[in-house]
Amino acid sequence: MSTFNAPTVAGVASTVIFAVSTLPMLTKAYRSRDLSSYSLGNIALANVGNAVHSVYVLSLPPGPIWALHGFYLLSSALMLVWYMQYRCSDLPTGPRTGWVDRPTRQPPPRF
């Protein structure tokens, strides 16, 4: 005899909804390689938060929360890797003059 377990059904449903809502962001970031609208600080904090939250999630019995958390671990790690790969490859690689590259200023023309 099967019993209806509302919390488990809600957990499975929310896991699917959250995962499906994140997939377009991941797909767009992967295809376009344009992560200019993302903040490294936000992505890094998401990864740190997920790592700390893992201590709690792994103390729970296996269930939908494990799947959801695993998806968040994977997606935030992918975003960090892609950010470092795509955004850092856009940085200038020429010689630097000081802390910040500044365009060379030329004196105004004299008449």
N, C-alpha and C. Protein backbone atom coordinates (compact mmCIF):
# COMPACT_ATOMS: atom_id res chain seq x y z
N MET A 1 0.84 -1.17 0.00
CA MET A 1 0.00 0.00 0.00
C MET A 1 0.89 1.24 0.00
N SER A 2 0.61 2.15 -0.88
CA SER A 2 1.38 3.37 -1.04
C SER A 2 0.77 4.49 -0.18
N THR A 3 1.61 5.23 0.47
CA THR A 3 1.12 6.36 1.25
C THR A 3 1.58 7.65 0.61
N PHE A 4 0.73 8.64 0.69
CA PHE A 4 1.03 9.95 0.14
C PHE A 4 1.84 10.72 1.18
N ASN A 5 3.04 11.11 0.82
CA ASN A 5 3.91 11.84 1.74
C ASN A 5 4.07 13.26 1.20
N ALA A 6 3.24 14.17 1.68
CA ALA A 6 3.19 15.54 1.16
C ALA A 6 4.55 16.24 1.22
N PRO A 7 5.32 16.16 2.32
CA PRO A 7 6.61 16.85 2.33
C PRO A 7 7.58 16.33 1.26
N THR A 8 7.58 15.04 1.02
CA THR A 8 8.48 14.49 0.00
C THR A 8 8.03 14.92 -1.40
N VAL A 9 6.74 14.89 -1.65
CA VAL A 9 6.22 15.34 -2.96
C VAL A 9 6.56 16.82 -3.16
N ALA A 10 6.38 17.63 -2.12
CA ALA A 10 6.72 19.06 -2.22
C ALA A 10 8.21 19.24 -2.45
N GLY A 11 9.03 18.43 -1.79
CA GLY A 11 10.48 18.52 -1.98
C GLY A 11 10.90 18.17 -3.40
N VAL A 12 10.30 17.12 -3.94
CA VAL A 12 10.60 16.73 -5.33
C VAL A 12 10.14 17.82 -6.29
N ALA A 13 8.93 18.33 -6.09
CA ALA A 13 8.40 19.37 -6.97
C ALA A 13 9.26 20.63 -6.92
N SER A 14 9.63 21.07 -5.72
CA SER A 14 10.44 22.29 -5.62
C SER A 14 11.83 22.07 -6.21
N THR A 15 12.38 20.88 -6.06
CA THR A 15 13.69 20.59 -6.65
C THR A 15 13.63 20.73 -8.17
N VAL A 16 12.60 20.16 -8.76
CA VAL A 16 12.44 20.24 -10.22
C VAL A 16 12.23 21.69 -10.65
N ILE A 17 11.39 22.43 -9.93
CA ILE A 17 11.11 23.83 -10.29
C ILE A 17 12.38 24.68 -10.19
N PHE A 18 13.11 24.55 -9.10
CA PHE A 18 14.34 25.34 -8.95
C PHE A 18 15.37 24.97 -10.01
N ALA A 19 15.52 23.69 -10.29
CA ALA A 19 16.50 23.26 -11.30
C ALA A 19 16.11 23.78 -12.68
N VAL A 20 14.84 23.66 -13.04
CA VAL A 20 14.37 24.13 -14.34
C VAL A 20 14.52 25.65 -14.45
N SER A 21 14.32 26.37 -13.35
CA SER A 21 14.46 27.83 -13.40
C SER A 21 15.91 28.26 -13.58
N THR A 22 16.86 27.43 -13.20
CA THR A 22 18.28 27.77 -13.30
C THR A 22 18.88 27.36 -14.64
N LEU A 23 18.30 26.38 -15.29
CA LEU A 23 18.86 25.87 -16.54
C LEU A 23 19.01 26.93 -17.64
N PRO A 24 18.04 27.84 -17.85
CA PRO A 24 18.24 28.86 -18.88
C PRO A 24 19.48 29.73 -18.63
N MET A 25 19.74 30.08 -17.36
CA MET A 25 20.92 30.88 -17.03
C MET A 25 22.19 30.11 -17.38
N LEU A 26 22.23 28.84 -17.00
CA LEU A 26 23.41 28.03 -17.29
C LEU A 26 23.61 27.84 -18.79
N THR A 27 22.51 27.59 -19.49
CA THR A 27 22.59 27.40 -20.95
C THR A 27 23.09 28.67 -21.63
N LYS A 28 22.54 29.82 -21.24
CA LYS A 28 22.96 31.09 -21.85
C LYS A 28 24.42 31.38 -21.55
N ALA A 29 24.84 31.16 -20.31
CA ALA A 29 26.24 31.42 -19.95
C ALA A 29 27.18 30.50 -20.73
N TYR A 30 26.79 29.25 -20.90
CA TYR A 30 27.63 28.30 -21.62
C TYR A 30 27.71 28.64 -23.11
N ARG A 31 26.56 28.94 -23.71
CA ARG A 31 26.53 29.22 -25.15
C ARG A 31 27.18 30.54 -25.52
N SER A 32 26.86 31.58 -24.76
CA SER A 32 27.34 32.92 -25.12
C SER A 32 28.74 33.21 -24.58
N ARG A 33 29.12 32.54 -23.54
CA ARG A 33 30.38 32.81 -22.84
C ARG A 33 30.47 34.25 -22.36
N ASP A 34 29.31 34.89 -22.23
CA ASP A 34 29.25 36.27 -21.77
C ASP A 34 28.75 36.28 -20.34
N LEU A 35 29.66 36.44 -19.41
CA LEU A 35 29.30 36.48 -18.00
C LEU A 35 29.50 37.89 -17.44
N SER A 36 29.46 38.90 -18.31
CA SER A 36 29.71 40.26 -17.88
C SER A 36 28.65 40.77 -16.91
N SER A 37 27.46 40.20 -16.93
CA SER A 37 26.41 40.65 -16.02
C SER A 37 26.47 39.95 -14.67
N TYR A 38 27.44 39.07 -14.47
CA TYR A 38 27.58 38.35 -13.21
C TYR A 38 28.72 38.93 -12.40
N SER A 39 28.59 38.86 -11.11
CA SER A 39 29.59 39.38 -10.19
C SER A 39 30.43 38.21 -9.65
N LEU A 40 31.74 38.35 -9.71
CA LEU A 40 32.62 37.32 -9.16
C LEU A 40 32.36 37.16 -7.67
N GLY A 41 32.13 38.26 -6.96
CA GLY A 41 31.86 38.18 -5.53
C GLY A 41 30.61 37.37 -5.23
N ASN A 42 29.55 37.59 -6.02
CA ASN A 42 28.31 36.85 -5.81
C ASN A 42 28.50 35.36 -6.10
N ILE A 43 29.18 35.04 -7.18
CA ILE A 43 29.41 33.64 -7.54
C ILE A 43 30.30 32.97 -6.49
N ALA A 44 31.32 33.66 -6.03
CA ALA A 44 32.21 33.10 -5.01
C ALA A 44 31.46 32.87 -3.70
N LEU A 45 30.63 33.85 -3.28
CA LEU A 45 29.85 33.68 -2.06
C LEU A 45 28.84 32.54 -2.18
N ALA A 46 28.25 32.37 -3.36
CA ALA A 46 27.33 31.25 -3.56
C ALA A 46 28.05 29.92 -3.37
N ASN A 47 29.28 29.83 -3.86
CA ASN A 47 30.05 28.61 -3.70
C ASN A 47 30.43 28.37 -2.24
N VAL A 48 30.83 29.41 -1.55
CA VAL A 48 31.17 29.27 -0.12
C VAL A 48 29.91 28.89 0.67
N GLY A 49 28.80 29.55 0.39
CA GLY A 49 27.55 29.23 1.08
C GLY A 49 27.12 27.79 0.83
N ASN A 50 27.25 27.34 -0.41
CA ASN A 50 26.90 25.95 -0.72
C ASN A 50 27.82 24.97 0.01
N ALA A 51 29.09 25.29 0.10
CA ALA A 51 30.03 24.40 0.80
C ALA A 51 29.67 24.30 2.28
N VAL A 52 29.35 25.43 2.91
CA VAL A 52 28.98 25.43 4.32
C VAL A 52 27.63 24.71 4.51
N HIS A 53 26.69 24.96 3.61
CA HIS A 53 25.37 24.35 3.69
C HIS A 53 25.45 22.83 3.51
N SER A 54 26.49 22.36 2.85
CA SER A 54 26.67 20.92 2.65
C SER A 54 26.78 20.18 3.98
N VAL A 55 27.37 20.81 4.97
CA VAL A 55 27.48 20.19 6.30
C VAL A 55 26.09 19.86 6.82
N TYR A 56 25.16 20.78 6.66
CA TYR A 56 23.78 20.54 7.11
C TYR A 56 23.08 19.50 6.25
N VAL A 57 23.15 19.68 4.92
CA VAL A 57 22.43 18.79 4.02
C VAL A 57 22.89 17.34 4.18
N LEU A 58 24.18 17.14 4.31
CA LEU A 58 24.69 15.78 4.44
C LEU A 58 24.34 15.14 5.78
N SER A 59 23.88 15.93 6.74
CA SER A 59 23.44 15.37 8.02
C SER A 59 22.00 14.86 7.94
N LEU A 60 21.31 15.21 6.86
CA LEU A 60 19.92 14.79 6.67
C LEU A 60 19.88 13.44 5.96
N PRO A 61 18.78 12.71 6.11
CA PRO A 61 18.66 11.47 5.35
C PRO A 61 18.54 11.79 3.86
N PRO A 62 19.01 10.88 2.99
CA PRO A 62 18.90 11.13 1.55
C PRO A 62 17.45 11.42 1.16
N GLY A 63 17.32 12.39 0.26
CA GLY A 63 15.99 12.78 -0.20
C GLY A 63 16.11 13.88 -1.23
N PRO A 64 15.00 14.53 -1.53
CA PRO A 64 15.00 15.58 -2.56
C PRO A 64 15.98 16.72 -2.25
N ILE A 65 16.18 17.02 -0.97
CA ILE A 65 17.10 18.12 -0.63
C ILE A 65 18.52 17.80 -1.07
N TRP A 66 18.91 16.54 -1.06
CA TRP A 66 20.23 16.15 -1.54
C TRP A 66 20.35 16.44 -3.04
N ALA A 67 19.31 16.11 -3.78
CA ALA A 67 19.32 16.35 -5.23
C ALA A 67 19.38 17.86 -5.51
N LEU A 68 18.56 18.62 -4.81
CA LEU A 68 18.54 20.07 -5.02
C LEU A 68 19.89 20.68 -4.65
N HIS A 69 20.42 20.30 -3.52
CA HIS A 69 21.70 20.86 -3.09
C HIS A 69 22.82 20.43 -4.04
N GLY A 70 22.78 19.19 -4.49
CA GLY A 70 23.78 18.73 -5.46
C GLY A 70 23.72 19.54 -6.74
N PHE A 71 22.50 19.84 -7.18
CA PHE A 71 22.34 20.67 -8.38
C PHE A 71 22.91 22.06 -8.14
N TYR A 72 22.62 22.65 -6.99
CA TYR A 72 23.16 23.98 -6.69
C TYR A 72 24.68 23.96 -6.58
N LEU A 73 25.23 22.92 -5.97
CA LEU A 73 26.69 22.80 -5.90
C LEU A 73 27.29 22.78 -7.30
N LEU A 74 26.73 21.95 -8.16
CA LEU A 74 27.24 21.82 -9.53
C LEU A 74 27.07 23.11 -10.32
N SER A 75 25.88 23.70 -10.26
CA SER A 75 25.64 24.89 -11.08
C SER A 75 26.47 26.09 -10.61
N SER A 76 26.61 26.29 -9.31
CA SER A 76 27.42 27.43 -8.85
C SER A 76 28.91 27.18 -9.12
N ALA A 77 29.35 25.93 -9.03
CA ALA A 77 30.74 25.63 -9.37
C ALA A 77 31.00 25.84 -10.86
N LEU A 78 30.06 25.44 -11.71
CA LEU A 78 30.20 25.67 -13.15
C LEU A 78 30.27 27.16 -13.45
N MET A 79 29.41 27.94 -12.81
CA MET A 79 29.43 29.39 -13.05
C MET A 79 30.77 30.00 -12.62
N LEU A 80 31.33 29.52 -11.53
CA LEU A 80 32.63 30.03 -11.10
C LEU A 80 33.72 29.65 -12.10
N VAL A 81 33.72 28.41 -12.54
CA VAL A 81 34.72 27.96 -13.52
C VAL A 81 34.56 28.75 -14.81
N TRP A 82 33.34 28.88 -15.29
CA TRP A 82 33.12 29.62 -16.54
C TRP A 82 33.49 31.09 -16.38
N TYR A 83 33.15 31.68 -15.24
CA TYR A 83 33.51 33.08 -15.01
C TYR A 83 35.02 33.25 -15.10
N MET A 84 35.74 32.38 -14.39
CA MET A 84 37.20 32.48 -14.41
C MET A 84 37.75 32.21 -15.80
N GLN A 85 37.17 31.28 -16.50
CA GLN A 85 37.66 30.92 -17.83
C GLN A 85 37.32 31.99 -18.86
N TYR A 86 36.07 32.43 -18.90
CA TYR A 86 35.63 33.36 -19.94
C TYR A 86 35.95 34.81 -19.61
N ARG A 87 35.69 35.24 -18.39
CA ARG A 87 35.93 36.64 -18.03
C ARG A 87 37.41 36.93 -17.88
N CYS A 88 38.16 36.03 -17.28
CA CYS A 88 39.58 36.27 -17.07
C CYS A 88 40.36 36.18 -18.36
N SER A 89 39.84 35.46 -19.35
CA SER A 89 40.53 35.40 -20.63
C SER A 89 40.36 36.70 -21.42
N ASP A 90 39.39 37.54 -21.01
CA ASP A 90 39.16 38.83 -21.67
C ASP A 90 40.06 39.93 -21.15
N LEU A 91 40.78 39.67 -20.06
CA LEU A 91 41.61 40.70 -19.47
C LEU A 91 42.81 41.01 -20.37
N PRO A 92 43.25 42.25 -20.40
CA PRO A 92 44.42 42.59 -21.20
C PRO A 92 45.66 41.86 -20.69
N THR A 93 46.52 41.50 -21.62
CA THR A 93 47.72 40.74 -21.23
C THR A 93 49.01 41.50 -21.51
N GLY A 94 48.92 42.72 -21.96
CA GLY A 94 50.11 43.50 -22.28
C GLY A 94 50.81 44.00 -21.03
N PRO A 95 51.91 44.74 -21.22
CA PRO A 95 52.63 45.27 -20.07
C PRO A 95 51.77 46.27 -19.31
N ARG A 96 51.92 46.29 -18.02
CA ARG A 96 51.11 47.17 -17.19
C ARG A 96 52.00 48.31 -16.66
N THR A 97 51.39 49.47 -16.53
CA THR A 97 52.09 50.62 -15.98
C THR A 97 51.37 51.05 -14.71
N GLY A 98 51.69 50.44 -13.61
CA GLY A 98 51.02 50.76 -12.35
C GLY A 98 49.89 49.79 -12.08
N TRP A 99 49.04 50.17 -11.12
CA TRP A 99 47.96 49.28 -10.70
C TRP A 99 46.84 49.20 -11.73
N VAL A 100 46.59 50.29 -12.43
CA VAL A 100 45.48 50.33 -13.35
C VAL A 100 45.99 50.75 -14.72
N ASP A 101 45.57 50.01 -15.75
CA ASP A 101 45.93 50.41 -17.10
C ASP A 101 45.13 51.66 -17.45
N ARG A 102 45.81 52.66 -17.91
CA ARG A 102 45.14 53.88 -18.33
C ARG A 102 45.51 54.15 -19.78
N PRO A 103 44.58 54.69 -20.53
CA PRO A 103 44.94 55.03 -21.91
C PRO A 103 46.03 56.11 -21.91
N THR A 104 46.87 56.03 -22.89
CA THR A 104 47.94 57.01 -23.01
C THR A 104 47.33 58.36 -23.37
N ARG A 105 47.65 59.35 -22.58
CA ARG A 105 47.14 60.70 -22.87
C ARG A 105 48.18 61.47 -23.65
N GLN A 106 47.71 62.10 -24.68
CA GLN A 106 48.60 62.91 -25.48
C GLN A 106 48.29 64.37 -25.20
N PRO A 107 49.31 65.19 -25.21
CA PRO A 107 49.05 66.61 -24.95
C PRO A 107 48.17 67.20 -26.05
N PRO A 108 47.39 68.22 -25.70
CA PRO A 108 46.54 68.84 -26.72
C PRO A 108 47.39 69.48 -27.81
N PRO A 109 46.90 69.51 -29.03
CA PRO A 109 47.70 70.09 -30.12
C PRO A 109 47.90 71.60 -29.91
N ARG A 110 49.07 72.08 -30.31
CA ARG A 110 49.35 73.53 -30.21
C ARG A 110 49.18 74.13 -31.59
N PHE A 111 48.57 75.29 -31.61
CA PHE A 111 48.35 75.97 -32.87
C PHE A 111 49.30 77.10 -33.06
